[in-house]
Amino acid sequence: MCSDSEEGGGSFDDGGQGGNGGDVSVRMPRTPATVAPNPAAVATIHNAVVGGNARELRDILAGTAPCVRGRARAHIRSLVNSPDPDSGFTALMTAASMQAGPSASSGASDNICQMLLDGGASAQACDHSGFSALHWAAACGQNLAVETLIAHLCPDTHSPPSAARCAAVTAAAAAAAAA
């Protein structure tokens, strides 16, 4: 995932409503609000992440972008957690594993990770190998994204992870990703 060379089909467990059967398993609750994702909206979300376009992503998450205008919050959350059909990764996995886009400031990919998490992205979603966004961030050396994800996954800690803890988790996740 650290390079653009991987390809995958991608799947979406949409509560038994007919995923497309591929590489990523995103577990969504079975609720009436969970609907099949709109491929154009999913592509728009992933393009905003890959391009480091925080403004467009913010509009999507707020429900004001044309591709999601008038949609329920649960629908937007399901779009955010839908894997990209080309790469097979969720938007959070992509953001966590990549350097900020060419027009983005330092730390922009970490801000995008936080925006996605705040918008309902699942930090527990795993790809076909069982790797989460945290694994990908660690394997790709994205230490700030690792810290962001750990802070989200461990909300009971009131301070950011220490550098030593971050290094230990990064090394463990990188080793798991390399295995």
Foldseek 3Di string as FASTA:
>chain_A
DLDPPAWKQAWECQPPPDIPDIWWYDDDDDDPLRDDADLVLLVQCLVCLQQLPPVSNLCLLVLNDPVRNPRDLSRSLSSQQGANRTRRHHSLLVLLQYAHHPPDDHCSSLVVNLSSVVSNHDQCIATNLNAGSLLNNLLNVVLSNNQSSVCSVCVVDPDTDDPVVSVVSSVVSNVSVVD
